[in-house]
Amino acid sequence: MSSATWRNFFTYNKYAQITARAVRQSLKESERVVAEKRGTTALKYQQWENGVGGPQVFLNSEEDKK
């Protein structure tokens, strides 16, 4: 079996997501918590009109991160 057989079943992004999750789960508790915090993201949206930015809106709320 080839080392690239995963390409028949997953996109690269899905493969990277699966392997990253496996690595995080294999870490000790203290390192795992730090690694999971690095994985959280904040997504903001801001509408611009006439060169002026409007209010920034979080698209993923703080509750979704927990």
PDB file of N, CA and C in Angstrom:
ATOM      1  N   MET A   1       0.840  -1.169   0.000  1.00  0.00           N
ATOM      2  CA  MET A   1       0.000   0.000   0.000  1.00  0.00           C
ATOM      3  C   MET A   1       0.889   1.237   0.000  1.00  0.00           C
ATOM      4  N   SER A   2       0.545   2.157  -0.814  1.00  0.00           N
ATOM      5  CA  SER A   2       1.334   3.385  -0.960  1.00  0.00           C
ATOM      6  C   SER A   2       1.143   4.301   0.239  1.00  0.00           C
ATOM      7  N   SER A   3       2.146   5.127   0.482  1.00  0.00           N
ATOM      8  CA  SER A   3       2.031   6.065   1.601  1.00  0.00           C
ATOM      9  C   SER A   3       1.058   7.197   1.287  1.00  0.00           C
ATOM     10  N   ALA A   4       0.658   7.318   0.040  1.00  0.00           N
ATOM     11  CA  ALA A   4      -0.260   8.392  -0.345  1.00  0.00           C
ATOM     12  C   ALA A   4      -1.669   7.870  -0.617  1.00  0.00           C
ATOM     13  N   THR A   5      -2.023   6.712  -0.072  1.00  0.00           N
ATOM     14  CA  THR A   5      -3.369   6.166  -0.289  1.00  0.00           C
ATOM     15  C   THR A   5      -4.455   7.044   0.292  1.00  0.00           C
ATOM     16  N   TRP A   6      -4.128   7.837   1.301  1.00  0.00           N
ATOM     17  CA  TRP A   6      -5.125   8.722   1.905  1.00  0.00           C
ATOM     18  C   TRP A   6      -5.697   9.678   0.871  1.00  0.00           C
ATOM     19  N   ARG A   7      -4.951   9.955  -0.197  1.00  0.00           N
ATOM     20  CA  ARG A   7      -5.425  10.905  -1.219  1.00  0.00           C
ATOM     21  C   ARG A   7      -6.647  10.385  -1.956  1.00  0.00           C
ATOM     22  N   ASN A   8      -6.851   9.077  -1.957  1.00  0.00           N
ATOM     23  CA  ASN A   8      -8.033   8.508  -2.598  1.00  0.00           C
ATOM     24  C   ASN A   8      -9.293   8.758  -1.783  1.00  0.00           C
ATOM     25  N   PHE A   9      -9.140   9.067  -0.501  1.00  0.00           N
ATOM     26  CA  PHE A   9     -10.285   9.174   0.386  1.00  0.00           C
ATOM     27  C   PHE A   9     -10.501  10.565   0.968  1.00  0.00           C
ATOM     28  N   PHE A  10      -9.428  11.352   1.129  1.00  0.00           N
ATOM     29  CA  PHE A  10      -9.526  12.644   1.802  1.00  0.00           C
ATOM     30  C   PHE A  10      -8.883  13.740   0.966  1.00  0.00           C
ATOM     31  N   THR A  11      -9.359  14.958   1.160  1.00  0.00           N
ATOM     32  CA  THR A  11      -8.628  16.109   0.650  1.00  0.00           C
ATOM     33  C   THR A  11      -7.452  16.344   1.590  1.00  0.00           C
ATOM     34  N   TYR A  12      -6.498  17.140   1.161  1.00  0.00           N
ATOM     35  CA  TYR A  12      -5.340  17.405   2.020  1.00  0.00           C
ATOM     36  C   TYR A  12      -5.773  18.086   3.314  1.00  0.00           C
ATOM     37  N   ASN A  13      -6.723  19.024   3.230  1.00  0.00           N
ATOM     38  CA  ASN A  13      -7.174  19.723   4.438  1.00  0.00           C
ATOM     39  C   ASN A  13      -7.797  18.758   5.438  1.00  0.00           C
ATOM     40  N   LYS A  14      -8.594  17.817   4.964  1.00  0.00           N
ATOM     41  CA  LYS A  14      -9.209  16.834   5.860  1.00  0.00           C
ATOM     42  C   LYS A  14      -8.135  15.936   6.474  1.00  0.00           C
ATOM     43  N   TYR A  15      -7.163  15.510   5.670  1.00  0.00           N
ATOM     44  CA  TYR A  15      -6.057  14.690   6.169  1.00  0.00           C
ATOM     45  C   TYR A  15      -5.282  15.437   7.247  1.00  0.00           C
ATOM     46  N   ALA A  16      -4.972  16.707   7.004  1.00  0.00           N
ATOM     47  CA  ALA A  16      -4.232  17.510   7.983  1.00  0.00           C
ATOM     48  C   ALA A  16      -5.039  17.677   9.265  1.00  0.00           C
ATOM     49  N   GLN A  17      -6.353  17.841   9.135  1.00  0.00           N
ATOM     50  CA  GLN A  17      -7.221  17.981  10.305  1.00  0.00           C
ATOM     51  C   GLN A  17      -7.217  16.698  11.141  1.00  0.00           C
ATOM     52  N   ILE A  18      -7.303  15.554  10.493  1.00  0.00           N
ATOM     53  CA  ILE A  18      -7.322  14.271  11.200  1.00  0.00           C
ATOM     54  C   ILE A  18      -5.994  14.027  11.906  1.00  0.00           C
ATOM     55  N   THR A  19      -4.886  14.261  11.217  1.00  0.00           N
ATOM     56  CA  THR A  19      -3.583  14.014  11.834  1.00  0.00           C
ATOM     57  C   THR A  19      -3.307  14.991  12.970  1.00  0.00           C
ATOM     58  N   ALA A  20      -3.713  16.251  12.817  1.00  0.00           N
ATOM     59  CA  ALA A  20      -3.512  17.228  13.895  1.00  0.00           C
ATOM     60  C   ALA A  20      -4.306  16.832  15.133  1.00  0.00           C
ATOM     61  N   ARG A  21      -5.533  16.359  14.936  1.00  0.00           N
ATOM     62  CA  ARG A  21      -6.347  15.923  16.068  1.00  0.00           C
ATOM     63  C   ARG A  21      -5.707  14.720  16.762  1.00  0.00           C
ATOM     64  N   ALA A  22      -5.163  13.786  15.977  1.00  0.00           N
ATOM     65  CA  ALA A  22      -4.504  12.611  16.561  1.00  0.00           C
ATOM     66  C   ALA A  22      -3.275  13.012  17.370  1.00  0.00           C
ATOM     67  N   VAL A  23      -2.508  13.965  16.859  1.00  0.00           N
ATOM     68  CA  VAL A  23      -1.322  14.427  17.588  1.00  0.00           C
ATOM     69  C   VAL A  23      -1.733  15.118  18.879  1.00  0.00           C
ATOM     70  N   ARG A  24      -2.747  15.989  18.816  1.00  0.00           N
ATOM     71  CA  ARG A  24      -3.204  16.684  20.030  1.00  0.00           C
ATOM     72  C   ARG A  24      -3.702  15.697  21.076  1.00  0.00           C
ATOM     73  N   GLN A  25      -4.416  14.664  20.653  1.00  0.00           N
ATOM     74  CA  GLN A  25      -4.940  13.684  21.602  1.00  0.00           C
ATOM     75  C   GLN A  25      -3.840  12.840  22.231  1.00  0.00           C
ATOM     76  N   SER A  26      -2.701  12.724  21.561  1.00  0.00           N
ATOM     77  CA  SER A  26      -1.618  11.909  22.104  1.00  0.00           C
ATOM     78  C   SER A  26      -0.736  12.676  23.085  1.00  0.00           C
ATOM     79  N   LEU A  27      -0.924  13.982  23.195  1.00  0.00           N
ATOM     80  CA  LEU A  27      -0.103  14.793  24.092  1.00  0.00           C
ATOM     81  C   LEU A  27      -0.521  14.610  25.546  1.00  0.00           C
ATOM     82  N   LYS A  28       0.393  14.919  26.448  1.00  0.00           N
ATOM     83  CA  LYS A  28       0.057  14.944  27.869  1.00  0.00           C
ATOM     84  C   LYS A  28      -0.920  16.085  28.105  1.00  0.00           C
ATOM     85  N   GLU A  29      -1.639  16.034  29.214  1.00  0.00           N
ATOM     86  CA  GLU A  29      -2.724  16.977  29.490  1.00  0.00           C
ATOM     87  C   GLU A  29      -2.284  18.438  29.390  1.00  0.00           C
ATOM     88  N   SER A  30      -1.173  18.799  30.017  1.00  0.00           N
ATOM     89  CA  SER A  30      -0.759  20.209  30.023  1.00  0.00           C
ATOM     90  C   SER A  30      -0.400  20.688  28.618  1.00  0.00           C
ATOM     91  N   GLU A  31       0.311  19.869  27.841  1.00  0.00           N
ATOM     92  CA  GLU A  31       0.659  20.253  26.477  1.00  0.00           C
ATOM     93  C   GLU A  31      -0.568  20.254  25.574  1.00  0.00           C
ATOM     94  N   ARG A  32      -1.503  19.334  25.827  1.00  0.00           N
ATOM     95  CA  ARG A  32      -2.719  19.254  25.017  1.00  0.00           C
ATOM     96  C   ARG A  32      -3.552  20.513  25.157  1.00  0.00           C
ATOM     97  N   VAL A  33      -3.678  21.025  26.372  1.00  0.00           N
ATOM     98  CA  VAL A  33      -4.464  22.236  26.606  1.00  0.00           C
ATOM     99  C   VAL A  33      -3.854  23.420  25.858  1.00  0.00           C
ATOM    100  N   VAL A  34      -2.533  23.539  25.911  1.00  0.00           N
ATOM    101  CA  VAL A  34      -1.849  24.628  25.208  1.00  0.00           C
ATOM    102  C   VAL A  34      -2.055  24.499  23.702  1.00  0.00           C
ATOM    103  N   ALA A  35      -1.958  23.284  23.170  1.00  0.00           N
ATOM    104  CA  ALA A  35      -2.132  23.061  21.735  1.00  0.00           C
ATOM    105  C   ALA A  35      -3.559  23.366  21.297  1.00  0.00           C
ATOM    106  N   GLU A  36      -4.543  23.010  22.112  1.00  0.00           N
ATOM    107  CA  GLU A  36      -5.932  23.288  21.759  1.00  0.00           C
ATOM    108  C   GLU A  36      -6.221  24.783  21.760  1.00  0.00           C
ATOM    109  N   LYS A  37      -5.600  25.531  22.662  1.00  0.00           N
ATOM    110  CA  LYS A  37      -5.792  26.983  22.681  1.00  0.00           C
ATOM    111  C   LYS A  37      -5.245  27.620  21.414  1.00  0.00           C
ATOM    112  N   ARG A  38      -4.149  27.079  20.885  1.00  0.00           N
ATOM    113  CA  ARG A  38      -3.594  27.603  19.634  1.00  0.00           C
ATOM    114  C   ARG A  38      -4.530  27.340  18.472  1.00  0.00           C
ATOM    115  N   GLY A  39      -5.353  26.321  18.588  1.00  0.00           N
ATOM    116  CA  GLY A  39      -6.242  25.948  17.503  1.00  0.00           C
ATOM    117  C   GLY A  39      -7.515  26.767  17.411  1.00  0.00           C
ATOM    118  N   THR A  40      -7.831  27.553  18.430  1.00  0.00           N
ATOM    119  CA  THR A  40      -9.053  28.351  18.378  1.00  0.00           C
ATOM    120  C   THR A  40      -8.847  29.562  17.484  1.00  0.00           C
ATOM    121  N   THR A  41      -9.891  29.940  16.788  1.00  0.00           N
ATOM    122  CA  THR A  41      -9.813  31.078  15.881  1.00  0.00           C
ATOM    123  C   THR A  41     -10.933  32.057  16.170  1.00  0.00           C
ATOM    124  N   ALA A  42     -10.715  33.277  15.769  1.00  0.00           N
ATOM    125  CA  ALA A  42     -11.746  34.304  15.865  1.00  0.00           C
ATOM    126  C   ALA A  42     -11.975  34.841  14.461  1.00  0.00           C
ATOM    127  N   LEU A  43     -13.215  34.896  14.044  1.00  0.00           N
ATOM    128  CA  LEU A  43     -13.551  35.347  12.711  1.00  0.00           C
ATOM    129  C   LEU A  43     -14.428  36.578  12.820  1.00  0.00           C
ATOM    130  N   LYS A  44     -13.973  37.678  12.210  1.00  0.00           N
ATOM    131  CA  LYS A  44     -14.717  38.936  12.241  1.00  0.00           C
ATOM    132  C   LYS A  44     -15.132  39.324  10.833  1.00  0.00           C
ATOM    133  N   TYR A  45     -16.225  40.062  10.746  1.00  0.00           N
ATOM    134  CA  TYR A  45     -16.722  40.578   9.479  1.00  0.00           C
ATOM    135  C   TYR A  45     -16.883  42.080   9.621  1.00  0.00           C
ATOM    136  N   GLN A  46     -16.470  42.821   8.592  1.00  0.00           N
ATOM    137  CA  GLN A  46     -16.597  44.272   8.625  1.00  0.00           C
ATOM    138  C   GLN A  46     -16.959  44.753   7.228  1.00  0.00           C
ATOM    139  N   GLN A  47     -18.053  45.476   7.099  1.00  0.00           N
ATOM    140  CA  GLN A  47     -18.496  46.028   5.820  1.00  0.00           C
ATOM    141  C   GLN A  47     -17.879  47.402   5.625  1.00  0.00           C
ATOM    142  N   TRP A  48     -17.293  47.614   4.454  1.00  0.00           N
ATOM    143  CA  TRP A  48     -16.686  48.905   4.136  1.00  0.00           C
ATOM    144  C   TRP A  48     -17.527  49.604   3.077  1.00  0.00           C
ATOM    145  N   GLU A  49     -17.782  50.909   3.298  1.00  0.00           N
ATOM    146  CA  GLU A  49     -18.479  51.730   2.309  1.00  0.00           C
ATOM    147  C   GLU A  49     -17.778  53.070   2.203  1.00  0.00           C
ATOM    148  N   ASN A  50     -17.485  53.487   0.982  1.00  0.00           N
ATOM    149  CA  ASN A  50     -16.835  54.773   0.711  1.00  0.00           C
ATOM    150  C   ASN A  50     -15.540  54.940   1.500  1.00  0.00           C
ATOM    151  N   GLY A  51     -14.780  53.873   1.637  1.00  0.00           N
ATOM    152  CA  GLY A  51     -13.496  53.945   2.323  1.00  0.00           C
ATOM    153  C   GLY A  51     -13.578  53.991   3.835  1.00  0.00           C
ATOM    154  N   VAL A  52     -14.769  53.802   4.393  1.00  0.00           N
ATOM    155  CA  VAL A  52     -14.944  53.834   5.846  1.00  0.00           C
ATOM    156  C   VAL A  52     -15.435  52.464   6.303  1.00  0.00           C
ATOM    157  N   GLY A  53     -14.755  51.934   7.298  1.00  0.00           N
ATOM    158  CA  GLY A  53     -15.137  50.632   7.823  1.00  0.00           C
ATOM    159  C   GLY A  53     -16.287  50.735   8.805  1.00  0.00           C
ATOM    160  N   GLY A  54     -17.209  49.802   8.691  1.00  0.00           N
ATOM    161  CA  GLY A  54     -18.321  49.748   9.631  1.00  0.00           C
ATOM    162  C   GLY A  54     -17.927  48.984  10.880  1.00  0.00           C
ATOM    163  N   PRO A  55     -18.899  48.669  11.717  1.00  0.00           N
ATOM    164  CA  PRO A  55     -18.592  47.936  12.957  1.00  0.00           C
ATOM    165  C   PRO A  55     -18.135  46.508  12.643  1.00  0.00           C
ATOM    166  N   GLN A  56     -17.235  46.006  13.473  1.00  0.00           N
ATOM    167  CA  GLN A  56     -16.760  44.635  13.323  1.00  0.00           C
ATOM    168  C   GLN A  56     -17.705  43.701  14.073  1.00  0.00           C
ATOM    169  N   VAL A  57     -18.085  42.624  13.415  1.00  0.00           N
ATOM    170  CA  VAL A  57     -19.010  41.655  13.995  1.00  0.00           C
ATOM    171  C   VAL A  57     -18.309  40.300  14.051  1.00  0.00           C
ATOM    172  N   PHE A  58     -18.310  39.658  15.232  1.00  0.00           N
ATOM    173  CA  PHE A  58     -17.760  38.309  15.354  1.00  0.00           C
ATOM    174  C   PHE A  58     -18.718  37.330  14.692  1.00  0.00           C
ATOM    175  N   LEU A  59     -18.207  36.515  13.777  1.00  0.00           N
ATOM    176  CA  LEU A  59     -19.041  35.516  13.124  1.00  0.00           C
ATOM    177  C   LEU A  59     -19.111  34.225  13.923  1.00  0.00           C
ATOM    178  N   ASN A  60     -18.090  33.940  14.708  1.00  0.00           N
ATOM    179  CA  ASN A  60     -18.163  32.815  15.644  1.00  0.00           C
ATOM    180  C   ASN A  60     -18.071  33.403  17.043  1.00  0.00           C
ATOM    181  N   SER A  61     -19.116  33.195  17.786  1.00  0.00           N
ATOM    182  CA  SER A  61     -19.209  33.838  19.092  1.00  0.00           C
ATOM    183  C   SER A  61     -18.244  33.215  20.089  1.00  0.00           C
ATOM    184  N   GLU A  62     -18.051  33.874  21.200  1.00  0.00           N
ATOM    185  CA  GLU A  62     -17.157  33.390  22.251  1.00  0.00           C
ATOM    186  C   GLU A  62     -17.659  32.064  22.827  1.00  0.00           C
ATOM    187  N   GLU A  63     -18.977  31.836  22.825  1.00  0.00           N
ATOM    188  CA  GLU A  63     -19.521  30.591  23.362  1.00  0.00           C
ATOM    189  C   GLU A  63     -19.146  29.409  22.473  1.00  0.00           C
ATOM    190  N   ASP A  64     -19.002  29.646  21.150  1.00  0.00           N
ATOM    191  CA  ASP A  64     -18.648  28.564  20.238  1.00  0.00           C
ATOM    192  C   ASP A  64     -17.246  28.040  20.496  1.00  0.00           C
ATOM    193  N   LYS A  65     -16.380  28.869  21.062  1.00  0.00           N
ATOM    194  CA  LYS A  65     -14.993  28.483  21.293  1.00  0.00           C
ATOM    195  C   LYS A  65     -14.851  27.535  22.471  1.00  0.00           C
ATOM    196  N   LYS A  66     -15.815  27.528  23.373  1.00  0.00           N
ATOM    197  CA  LYS A  66     -15.711  26.734  24.604  1.00  0.00           C
ATOM    198  C   LYS A  66     -16.198  25.332  24.406  1.00  0.00           C
TER     199      LYS A  66
END
